[in-house]
Amino acid sequence: MPNSRLRNSFHVDVSGSDLGRCLKWALVAVGLAISVTQAKAEYLVNIGDVLEVAVAGVPELRHRAPVQMDGTISLPLVGTLPAAGLPLPQIRAKIGAALARKVFRQRTSDGRETVVVIDADEVTTIIAEYKPIYVNGDVSKPGEYPYRPSITVRQLLAVAGGYDIMRVKMNNPYLEAADLRSEYGSLWTELAKEQARMWRIKTELGEGAQINPAPTMDAPLARSAISEIVNSEAEYLKTKQSDYQQEKTFLQRGIRQGDDEIRVLSDQQKKDEEGLQGDLEDLQKTTELFSKGSLISPRVTDARRAVLLSSTRKLQTSAQLLQVKKQQDEFVRKLAKLDDQRRLDLLRELQDTSVKLNEIREKLQSVGEKLQYTAMVRSQLVQGTGNTPEIAIIRKGNKGQDRIIANEDTELQPGDAVEVSLQYQDGPAVPPRRLGSSDTPAETGRTGSVAGGSVRVGQR
């Protein structure tokens, strides 16, 4: 009877007072806690887990069995059993039932053999190793780590060495920034030189106007250096054009001189021909008179000597005329080849310059990106690690991989992959623009947004 009154009074209190409502909420909370505990207990064994089976009093039967790709485990005296996707109590019951009433012969230390009949209650099954978890991103030591029950993201980050914006290791961001700025300025100097050289080549080819230093002045270089580059190419162009004109004038003058020499030698050849004919006629007359006895033999000898000298002079003149004509033909050929050879050399130089310009642009792009990253790291080192990290968990679900946004207190499950990304508050809003083949130093600009500020590189 007292118990009945107590129940009635309790019923009245619960239904009609604030205390009753509090008790109801407490019961709901207890029920949620029980359901959460049951949910945690109902972990489903997955591929990659390692189970350990032991029999009390029989240490020889202790065995670790990894869950294979087909979801099964292999055990002595049992064989193959399915395990993936099942809770541990169910697997434990299956293994116990499979080992129940099994006979195991055990040899003692003194050599005697005993027979042990396994009882299901003596079989224990635990998860010795869970499927590992993984962490990647802005941490000191990304990679694979063993799973521990109820491990959180914060604990995993502690094992992985914590946040680290310098996972791409640098010796010293301040020193590297100085070296990169020096290399960046040198590349801009080379780019300006090659650009001026290309303008000079196109001017020689007749494809462009004279070199204009105005666009190049916008490069992040000292104006005196740019002026020196442009003036050097302009002087080189003037010297080459002067040398070309001198060579062309020399060949043209040689051709004209050859024409004069040919004309003189041709006249001389005609005179030598006439002299030879006269000496031949004189020799013929002298020979006739000598045969008639009107002249003595010395006179005939002198006539023959005169013919020999005339023919020798004629041959010398003919040979000299041929030499002059050959030299003139050589001058004519060089003059005709001069323009073609000059154009071929300029086109080859233009091709080499174009290739070198592309290489410098690629290097300039690479160094610029490194410089931005180094400046960003340096700014992060100055401001500390107060940035908010983005944490995402990649977890295998029933319908594939799920991406779960988490925080440092989120509990992990076996097989989770954690991605950590620090939000660089002072980082550049957009990545640096790649230099195109048609970009000039003026078009690429002279400043870059590095670590939240407009950093002028190389301006002196």
Protein backbone atom coordinates (compact mmCIF):
# COMPACT_ATOMS: atom_id res chain seq x y z
CA MET A 1 0.00 0.00 0.00
CA PRO A 2 2.75 2.51 0.73
CA ASN A 3 4.26 1.64 -2.60
CA SER A 4 0.96 2.37 -4.30
CA ARG A 5 0.71 5.77 -2.66
CA LEU A 6 4.28 6.50 -3.63
CA ARG A 7 3.53 5.62 -7.22
CA ASN A 8 0.43 7.76 -7.23
CA SER A 9 2.20 10.71 -5.72
CA PHE A 10 5.02 10.31 -8.16
CA HIS A 11 2.54 10.22 -11.01
CA VAL A 12 0.93 13.43 -9.82
CA ASP A 13 4.26 15.16 -9.41
CA VAL A 14 5.46 14.15 -12.83
CA SER A 15 2.34 15.14 -14.67
CA GLY A 16 1.63 18.36 -12.92
CA SER A 17 4.84 20.09 -11.96
CA ASP A 18 7.96 21.58 -13.49
CA LEU A 19 9.95 18.83 -11.88
CA GLY A 20 8.01 16.32 -13.95
CA ARG A 21 8.90 18.09 -17.15
CA CYS A 22 12.53 18.17 -16.12
CA LEU A 23 12.42 14.46 -15.42
CA LYS A 24 10.88 13.85 -18.84
CA TRP A 25 13.72 15.74 -20.53
CA ALA A 26 16.21 13.85 -18.38
CA LEU A 27 14.70 10.55 -19.50
CA VAL A 28 14.89 11.71 -23.13
CA ALA A 29 18.54 12.65 -22.65
CA VAL A 30 19.26 9.28 -21.05
CA GLY A 31 17.53 7.57 -23.95
CA LEU A 32 19.61 9.57 -26.45
CA ALA A 33 22.78 8.70 -24.55
CA ILE A 34 21.80 5.04 -24.59
CA SER A 35 21.09 5.20 -28.33
CA VAL A 36 24.41 6.96 -28.96
CA THR A 37 26.21 4.30 -26.92
CA GLN A 38 24.44 1.58 -28.86
CA ALA A 39 25.32 3.30 -32.14
CA LYS A 40 28.98 3.43 -31.13
CA ALA A 41 28.88 -0.21 -30.07
CA GLU A 42 27.34 -1.22 -33.37
CA TYR A 43 30.52 -0.60 -35.34
CA LEU A 44 30.52 -2.69 -38.48
CA VAL A 45 33.77 -4.47 -39.20
CA ASN A 46 35.26 -3.29 -42.48
CA ILE A 47 37.85 -4.43 -44.96
CA GLY A 48 41.27 -3.56 -43.58
CA ASP A 49 40.44 -4.25 -39.94
CA VAL A 50 42.38 -6.95 -38.11
CA LEU A 51 40.53 -9.27 -35.71
CA GLU A 52 42.21 -11.18 -32.90
CA VAL A 53 40.67 -14.45 -31.76
CA ALA A 54 41.80 -16.16 -28.52
CA VAL A 55 40.70 -19.23 -26.55
CA ALA A 56 41.09 -19.23 -22.79
CA GLY A 57 43.76 -21.65 -21.66
CA VAL A 58 44.94 -22.37 -25.20
CA PRO A 59 47.51 -19.70 -26.16
CA GLU A 60 48.36 -21.67 -29.33
CA LEU A 61 44.97 -20.74 -30.80
CA ARG A 62 45.55 -16.98 -30.45
CA HIS A 63 45.41 -15.73 -34.03
CA ARG A 64 45.15 -12.41 -35.84
CA ALA A 65 43.02 -12.45 -38.98
CA PRO A 66 42.87 -9.43 -41.34
CA VAL A 67 39.60 -8.86 -43.16
CA GLN A 68 40.39 -9.65 -46.78
CA MET A 69 39.22 -7.81 -49.89
CA ASP A 70 36.29 -10.23 -50.24
CA GLY A 71 35.15 -9.38 -46.68
CA THR A 72 36.13 -12.71 -45.10
CA ILE A 73 38.59 -13.86 -42.45
CA SER A 74 40.46 -17.15 -42.23
CA LEU A 75 40.90 -18.93 -38.86
CA PRO A 76 42.48 -22.23 -37.82
CA LEU A 77 39.97 -25.01 -37.04
CA VAL A 78 37.25 -22.83 -38.57
CA GLY A 79 38.18 -21.88 -42.10
CA THR A 80 36.66 -18.88 -43.82
CA LEU A 81 33.94 -16.74 -42.27
CA PRO A 82 32.26 -13.53 -43.54
CA ALA A 83 33.14 -10.49 -41.42
CA ALA A 84 32.88 -7.24 -43.41
CA GLY A 85 29.69 -5.33 -42.71
CA LEU A 86 28.87 -7.24 -39.52
CA PRO A 87 29.00 -5.97 -35.91
CA LEU A 88 31.66 -7.44 -33.67
CA PRO A 89 29.23 -9.30 -31.31
CA GLN A 90 27.75 -11.15 -34.27
CA ILE A 91 31.19 -12.13 -35.54
CA ARG A 92 32.18 -13.17 -32.02
CA ALA A 93 29.08 -15.40 -31.78
CA LYS A 94 29.80 -16.98 -35.16
CA ILE A 95 33.40 -17.74 -34.26
CA GLY A 96 32.37 -19.11 -30.85
CA ALA A 97 29.74 -21.34 -32.45
CA ALA A 98 32.22 -22.55 -35.05
CA LEU A 99 34.85 -23.40 -32.41
CA ALA A 100 32.40 -24.92 -29.92
CA ARG A 101 33.02 -28.60 -29.19
CA LYS A 102 36.18 -28.50 -31.28
CA VAL A 103 38.87 -30.83 -29.93
CA PHE A 104 42.40 -29.44 -29.65
CA ARG A 105 45.33 -31.60 -28.62
CA GLN A 106 47.72 -29.66 -26.45
CA ARG A 107 51.20 -30.81 -25.40
CA THR A 108 52.40 -29.79 -21.96
CA SER A 109 55.90 -28.76 -20.99
CA ASP A 110 56.71 -32.22 -19.66
CA GLY A 111 55.79 -33.84 -22.96
CA ARG A 112 52.38 -35.12 -22.07
CA GLU A 113 49.49 -34.61 -24.48
CA THR A 114 46.15 -33.34 -23.26
CA VAL A 115 42.88 -32.99 -25.07
CA VAL A 116 41.02 -29.70 -24.76
CA VAL A 117 37.39 -29.37 -25.77
CA ILE A 118 36.69 -25.75 -26.65
CA ASP A 119 33.63 -24.12 -25.13
CA ALA A 120 31.94 -21.18 -26.89
CA ASP A 121 32.14 -19.03 -23.75
CA GLU A 122 35.93 -19.43 -23.72
CA VAL A 123 36.33 -17.79 -27.16
CA THR A 124 37.01 -14.05 -27.29
CA THR A 125 37.16 -11.86 -30.41
CA ILE A 126 38.36 -8.27 -30.48
CA ILE A 127 39.41 -5.77 -33.10
CA ALA A 128 43.17 -5.64 -32.73
CA GLU A 129 43.76 -3.09 -35.46
CA TYR A 130 41.26 -0.82 -37.14
CA LYS A 131 41.48 0.33 -40.71
CA PRO A 132 43.99 3.23 -40.69
CA ILE A 133 43.02 6.86 -41.06
CA TYR A 134 44.72 9.42 -43.29
CA VAL A 135 45.46 13.13 -43.08
CA ASN A 136 46.55 15.43 -45.87
CA GLY A 137 46.94 19.16 -46.46
CA ASP A 138 48.43 21.88 -44.26
CA VAL A 139 49.93 19.60 -41.60
CA SER A 140 53.53 18.89 -40.72
CA LYS A 141 53.44 15.14 -41.35
CA PRO A 142 50.66 14.10 -43.73
CA GLY A 143 50.17 10.40 -44.23
CA GLU A 144 48.66 7.25 -42.72
CA TYR A 145 48.03 6.82 -38.97
CA PRO A 146 46.55 3.99 -36.88
CA TYR A 147 42.98 4.47 -35.72
CA ARG A 148 42.22 4.65 -32.01
CA PRO A 149 38.65 4.39 -30.73
CA SER A 150 36.99 7.80 -30.25
CA ILE A 151 39.95 9.64 -31.76
CA THR A 152 39.09 13.20 -32.79
CA VAL A 153 40.44 15.46 -35.50
CA ARG A 154 42.31 17.46 -32.85
CA GLN A 155 44.09 14.35 -31.60
CA LEU A 156 44.96 13.27 -35.14
CA LEU A 157 46.41 16.71 -35.86
CA ALA A 158 48.52 16.45 -32.70
CA VAL A 159 49.92 13.13 -33.92
CA ALA A 160 50.53 14.64 -37.37
CA GLY A 161 52.59 17.49 -35.90
CA GLY A 162 49.89 20.18 -35.99
CA TYR A 163 49.19 22.77 -38.64
CA ASP A 164 52.05 23.69 -40.91
CA ILE A 165 51.85 26.19 -43.72
CA MET A 166 55.44 25.34 -44.66
CA ARG A 167 54.85 21.70 -45.56
CA VAL A 168 56.63 22.52 -48.79
CA LYS A 169 59.88 22.84 -46.91
CA MET A 170 61.92 26.00 -47.19
CA ASN A 171 65.30 26.72 -45.70
CA ASN A 172 64.42 30.29 -44.83
CA PRO A 173 61.56 32.20 -46.51
CA TYR A 174 63.29 35.55 -45.98
CA LEU A 175 66.54 34.48 -47.64
CA GLU A 176 64.71 32.64 -50.41
CA ALA A 177 62.56 35.70 -51.05
CA ALA A 178 65.72 37.79 -51.50
CA ASP A 179 67.19 35.24 -53.92
CA LEU A 180 63.92 35.00 -55.84
CA ARG A 181 63.67 38.78 -56.14
CA SER A 182 67.18 38.86 -57.56
CA GLU A 183 66.37 36.11 -60.04
CA TYR A 184 63.08 37.81 -60.88
CA GLY A 185 64.86 41.06 -61.73
CA SER A 186 67.51 39.23 -63.79
CA LEU A 187 64.81 37.50 -65.80
CA TRP A 188 63.08 40.80 -66.49
CA THR A 189 66.41 42.18 -67.71
CA GLU A 190 66.88 39.20 -70.03
CA LEU A 191 63.29 39.57 -71.24
CA ALA A 192 63.83 43.25 -72.03
CA LYS A 193 67.09 42.46 -73.87
CA GLU A 194 65.49 39.72 -75.97
CA GLN A 195 62.46 41.91 -76.69
CA ALA A 196 64.71 44.74 -77.88
CA ARG A 197 66.70 42.26 -79.97
CA MET A 198 63.50 41.02 -81.61
CA TRP A 199 62.44 44.56 -82.43
CA ARG A 200 65.88 45.17 -83.96
CA ILE A 201 65.66 42.00 -86.09
CA LYS A 202 62.18 42.86 -87.32
CA THR A 203 63.38 46.34 -88.18
CA GLU A 204 66.23 44.87 -90.24
CA LEU A 205 63.74 42.60 -91.98
CA GLY A 206 61.55 45.56 -92.78
CA GLU A 207 58.64 44.17 -90.70
CA GLY A 208 58.57 46.81 -88.00
CA ALA A 209 59.31 50.40 -87.18
CA GLN A 210 62.36 51.65 -85.37
CA ILE A 211 62.90 50.55 -81.78
CA ASN A 212 60.59 52.42 -79.43
CA PRO A 213 61.80 52.46 -75.79
CA ALA A 214 58.47 53.72 -74.37
CA PRO A 215 56.72 50.33 -73.82
CA THR A 216 59.82 48.80 -72.25
CA MET A 217 59.96 51.58 -69.68
CA ASP A 218 57.02 49.98 -67.82
CA ALA A 219 59.10 46.89 -66.92
CA PRO A 220 60.11 46.58 -63.23
CA LEU A 221 63.66 47.67 -64.05
CA ALA A 222 65.69 50.81 -63.61
CA ARG A 223 65.05 53.28 -66.42
CA SER A 224 68.78 53.68 -66.95
CA ALA A 225 69.14 49.92 -67.51
CA ILE A 226 66.27 49.88 -70.02
CA SER A 227 67.67 52.91 -71.84
CA GLU A 228 71.07 51.22 -72.02
CA ILE A 229 69.51 48.06 -73.48
CA VAL A 230 67.55 50.00 -76.10
CA ASN A 231 70.49 52.24 -77.01
CA SER A 232 72.77 49.21 -77.33
CA GLU A 233 70.41 47.52 -79.77
CA ALA A 234 69.94 50.77 -81.70
CA GLU A 235 73.72 51.19 -82.03
CA TYR A 236 74.06 47.54 -83.02
CA LEU A 237 71.38 48.03 -85.67
CA LYS A 238 73.13 51.14 -86.99
CA THR A 239 76.49 49.32 -87.13
CA LYS A 240 75.01 46.31 -88.92
CA GLN A 241 73.22 48.48 -91.47
CA SER A 242 76.40 50.50 -92.05
CA ASP A 243 78.43 47.32 -92.46
CA TYR A 244 75.84 45.95 -94.88
CA GLN A 245 75.91 49.11 -96.96
CA GLN A 246 79.72 49.12 -97.01
CA GLU A 247 79.82 45.51 -98.13
CA LYS A 248 77.26 46.18 -100.82
CA THR A 249 79.13 49.30 -101.98
CA PHE A 250 82.41 47.36 -102.06
CA LEU A 251 80.91 44.66 -104.27
CA GLN A 252 79.27 47.18 -106.58
CA ARG A 253 82.56 49.09 -106.89
CA GLY A 254 84.39 45.85 -107.62
CA ILE A 255 81.92 45.08 -110.40
CA ARG A 256 82.39 48.53 -111.91
CA GLN A 257 86.18 48.23 -111.72
CA GLY A 258 85.94 44.84 -113.33
CA ASP A 259 83.94 46.30 -116.20
CA ASP A 260 86.65 48.92 -116.75
CA GLU A 261 89.44 46.34 -116.61
CA ILE A 262 87.58 44.07 -119.03
CA ARG A 263 87.12 46.93 -121.45
CA VAL A 264 90.82 47.86 -121.26
CA LEU A 265 91.97 44.26 -121.57
CA SER A 266 89.62 43.67 -124.47
CA ASP A 267 91.14 46.62 -126.30
CA GLN A 268 94.60 45.38 -125.42
CA GLN A 269 93.68 41.93 -126.69
CA LYS A 270 92.61 43.39 -130.02
CA LYS A 271 95.87 45.31 -130.32
CA ASP A 272 97.88 42.21 -129.44
CA GLU A 273 95.94 40.30 -132.08
CA GLU A 274 96.71 42.98 -134.67
CA GLY A 275 100.40 43.05 -133.67
CA LEU A 276 100.59 39.27 -133.92
CA GLN A 277 99.05 39.29 -137.37
CA GLY A 278 101.55 41.98 -138.48
CA ASP A 279 104.48 39.96 -137.13
CA LEU A 280 103.19 36.84 -138.87
CA GLU A 281 102.95 38.71 -142.15
CA ASP A 282 106.46 40.12 -141.67
CA LEU A 283 107.77 36.62 -140.91
CA GLN A 284 106.16 35.28 -144.07
CA LYS A 285 107.73 38.00 -146.22
CA THR A 286 111.10 37.54 -144.58
CA THR A 287 110.95 33.82 -145.16
CA GLU A 288 110.13 34.31 -148.84
CA LEU A 289 112.99 36.78 -149.31
CA PHE A 290 115.36 34.44 -147.43
CA SER A 291 114.39 31.60 -149.70
CA LYS A 292 115.22 33.76 -152.74
CA GLY A 293 118.55 34.66 -151.16
CA SER A 294 117.71 38.30 -150.75
CA LEU A 295 118.04 38.23 -146.92
CA ILE A 296 120.40 36.63 -144.50
CA SER A 297 119.26 34.15 -141.82
CA PRO A 298 119.55 36.56 -138.79
CA ARG A 299 116.81 38.61 -140.28
CA VAL A 300 114.51 35.56 -140.36
CA THR A 301 115.43 34.76 -136.77
CA ASP A 302 114.43 38.27 -135.63
CA ALA A 303 111.08 37.95 -137.40
CA ARG A 304 110.37 34.65 -135.72
CA ARG A 305 111.32 36.09 -132.32
CA ALA A 306 108.90 38.98 -132.90
CA VAL A 307 106.07 36.53 -133.69
CA LEU A 308 106.82 34.56 -130.51
CA LEU A 309 106.75 37.67 -128.38
CA SER A 310 103.47 38.86 -129.94
CA SER A 311 101.78 35.51 -129.35
CA THR A 312 103.04 35.41 -125.73
CA ARG A 313 101.75 38.92 -125.10
CA LYS A 314 98.39 37.95 -126.56
CA LEU A 315 98.16 34.85 -124.34
CA GLN A 316 99.01 36.90 -121.25
CA THR A 317 96.36 39.45 -122.07
CA SER A 318 93.77 36.69 -122.67
CA ALA A 319 94.64 35.04 -119.36
CA GLN A 320 94.39 38.34 -117.51
CA LEU A 321 91.06 39.04 -119.17
CA LEU A 322 89.71 35.65 -118.05
CA GLN A 323 90.88 36.30 -114.48
CA VAL A 324 89.18 39.69 -114.38
CA LYS A 325 85.95 38.23 -115.77
CA LYS A 326 86.04 35.46 -113.16
CA GLN A 327 86.56 37.98 -110.38
CA GLN A 328 83.70 40.08 -111.69
CA ASP A 329 81.41 37.05 -111.80
CA GLU A 330 82.35 36.37 -108.17
CA PHE A 331 81.45 39.94 -107.21
CA VAL A 332 78.13 39.68 -109.04
CA ARG A 333 77.34 36.38 -107.30
CA LYS A 334 78.21 37.80 -103.85
CA LEU A 335 76.11 40.87 -104.50
CA ALA A 336 73.13 38.74 -105.51
CA LYS A 337 73.62 36.47 -102.47
CA LEU A 338 74.21 39.30 -100.02
CA ASP A 339 70.52 40.13 -99.49
CA ASP A 340 69.39 36.50 -99.39
CA GLN A 341 72.09 35.46 -96.92
CA ARG A 342 71.36 38.47 -94.75
CA ARG A 343 67.66 37.60 -94.65
CA LEU A 344 68.39 33.94 -93.83
CA ASP A 345 70.67 34.95 -90.95
CA LEU A 346 68.07 37.38 -89.62
CA LEU A 347 65.28 34.77 -89.79
CA ARG A 348 67.45 32.25 -87.94
CA GLU A 349 68.29 34.85 -85.31
CA LEU A 350 64.61 35.76 -85.02
CA GLN A 351 63.71 32.11 -84.41
CA ASP A 352 66.36 31.71 -81.73
CA THR A 353 65.22 34.93 -80.06
CA SER A 354 61.59 33.80 -80.09
CA VAL A 355 62.50 30.48 -78.44
CA LYS A 356 64.57 32.23 -75.80
CA LEU A 357 61.76 34.70 -75.11
CA ASN A 358 59.35 31.82 -74.45
CA GLU A 359 61.84 30.17 -72.10
CA ILE A 360 62.32 33.43 -70.18
CA ARG A 361 58.55 33.94 -69.91
CA GLU A 362 58.11 30.44 -68.45
CA LYS A 363 60.93 31.01 -65.95
CA LEU A 364 59.51 34.41 -65.07
CA GLN A 365 56.10 32.87 -64.45
CA SER A 366 57.60 30.15 -62.25
CA VAL A 367 59.74 32.54 -60.21
CA GLY A 368 56.80 34.91 -59.82
CA GLU A 369 54.63 32.13 -58.37
CA LYS A 370 57.44 31.05 -56.03
CA LEU A 371 57.90 34.64 -54.94
CA GLN A 372 54.20 35.00 -54.18
CA TYR A 373 54.14 31.78 -52.18
CA THR A 374 57.28 32.76 -50.26
CA ALA A 375 55.85 36.16 -49.45
CA MET A 376 52.62 34.51 -48.33
CA VAL A 377 54.50 32.11 -46.05
CA ARG A 378 56.53 34.98 -44.66
CA SER A 379 53.39 36.97 -43.89
CA GLN A 380 51.86 33.94 -42.18
CA LEU A 381 54.97 33.54 -40.05
CA VAL A 382 54.69 37.17 -39.05
CA GLN A 383 50.98 37.06 -38.17
CA GLY A 384 51.10 33.60 -36.58
CA THR A 385 48.73 30.68 -36.98
CA GLY A 386 45.51 32.49 -36.15
CA ASN A 387 43.80 31.51 -39.38
CA THR A 388 40.71 29.33 -39.34
CA PRO A 389 41.34 25.92 -40.88
CA GLU A 390 38.93 24.16 -43.17
CA ILE A 391 38.58 20.51 -42.19
CA ALA A 392 36.81 17.99 -44.39
CA ILE A 393 36.41 14.25 -43.80
CA ILE A 394 36.16 11.90 -46.76
CA ARG A 395 34.20 8.89 -45.55
CA LYS A 396 32.93 5.89 -47.43
CA GLY A 397 29.13 5.69 -47.29
CA ASN A 398 26.51 3.42 -48.71
CA LYS A 399 26.37 5.40 -51.94
CA GLY A 400 30.08 6.11 -52.32
CA GLN A 401 32.45 8.68 -50.88
CA ASP A 402 30.89 11.41 -48.71
CA ARG A 403 32.54 14.74 -47.96
CA ILE A 404 31.75 15.89 -44.44
CA ILE A 405 32.62 19.37 -43.17
CA ALA A 406 34.04 18.91 -39.66
CA ASN A 407 35.88 20.70 -36.88
CA GLU A 408 38.67 19.79 -34.50
CA ASP A 409 36.32 18.02 -32.06
CA THR A 410 34.70 15.74 -34.63
CA GLU A 411 35.20 12.05 -33.90
CA LEU A 412 36.71 9.96 -36.68
CA GLN A 413 35.88 6.53 -37.95
CA PRO A 414 38.24 3.88 -39.30
CA GLY A 415 39.22 4.54 -42.90
CA ASP A 416 38.47 8.30 -42.76
CA ALA A 417 40.64 10.64 -44.83
CA VAL A 418 40.99 14.11 -43.29
CA GLU A 419 41.81 17.08 -45.52
CA VAL A 420 43.12 20.20 -43.77
CA SER A 421 43.34 23.56 -45.50
CA LEU A 422 44.43 26.78 -43.85
CA GLN A 423 42.70 29.86 -45.19
CA TYR A 424 45.46 32.38 -45.89
CA GLN A 425 43.83 35.67 -45.04
CA ASP A 426 46.62 37.66 -46.66
CA GLY A 427 47.02 35.42 -49.68
CA PRO A 428 46.56 36.67 -53.25
CA ALA A 429 42.97 36.83 -54.41
CA VAL A 430 43.77 35.37 -57.83
CA PRO A 431 46.75 33.37 -59.08
CA PRO A 432 49.38 35.24 -61.12
CA ARG A 433 48.57 35.55 -64.81
CA ARG A 434 50.67 33.53 -67.19
CA LEU A 435 52.77 35.52 -69.64
CA GLY A 436 51.64 35.01 -73.20
CA SER A 437 53.90 34.89 -76.21
CA SER A 438 52.66 38.31 -77.30
CA ASP A 439 53.09 39.94 -73.89
CA THR A 440 55.62 42.72 -73.68
CA PRO A 441 57.09 44.02 -70.47
CA ALA A 442 54.50 46.77 -70.57
CA GLU A 443 51.59 44.34 -70.93
CA THR A 444 52.63 42.09 -68.04
CA GLY A 445 52.68 44.93 -65.54
CA ARG A 446 55.23 45.86 -62.96
CA THR A 447 53.54 45.00 -59.65
CA GLY A 448 52.06 41.83 -58.18
CA SER A 449 49.64 41.22 -55.32
CA VAL A 450 51.67 39.18 -52.89
CA ALA A 451 50.41 38.37 -49.38
CA GLY A 452 47.65 40.96 -49.40
CA GLY A 453 49.74 43.93 -50.55
CA SER A 454 50.94 45.33 -53.83
CA VAL A 455 54.61 44.42 -53.83
CA ARG A 456 56.82 46.16 -56.36
CA VAL A 457 59.52 43.79 -57.52
CA GLY A 458 62.83 45.02 -58.77
CA GLN A 459 61.98 48.73 -59.09
CA ARG A 460 65.05 50.73 -58.25
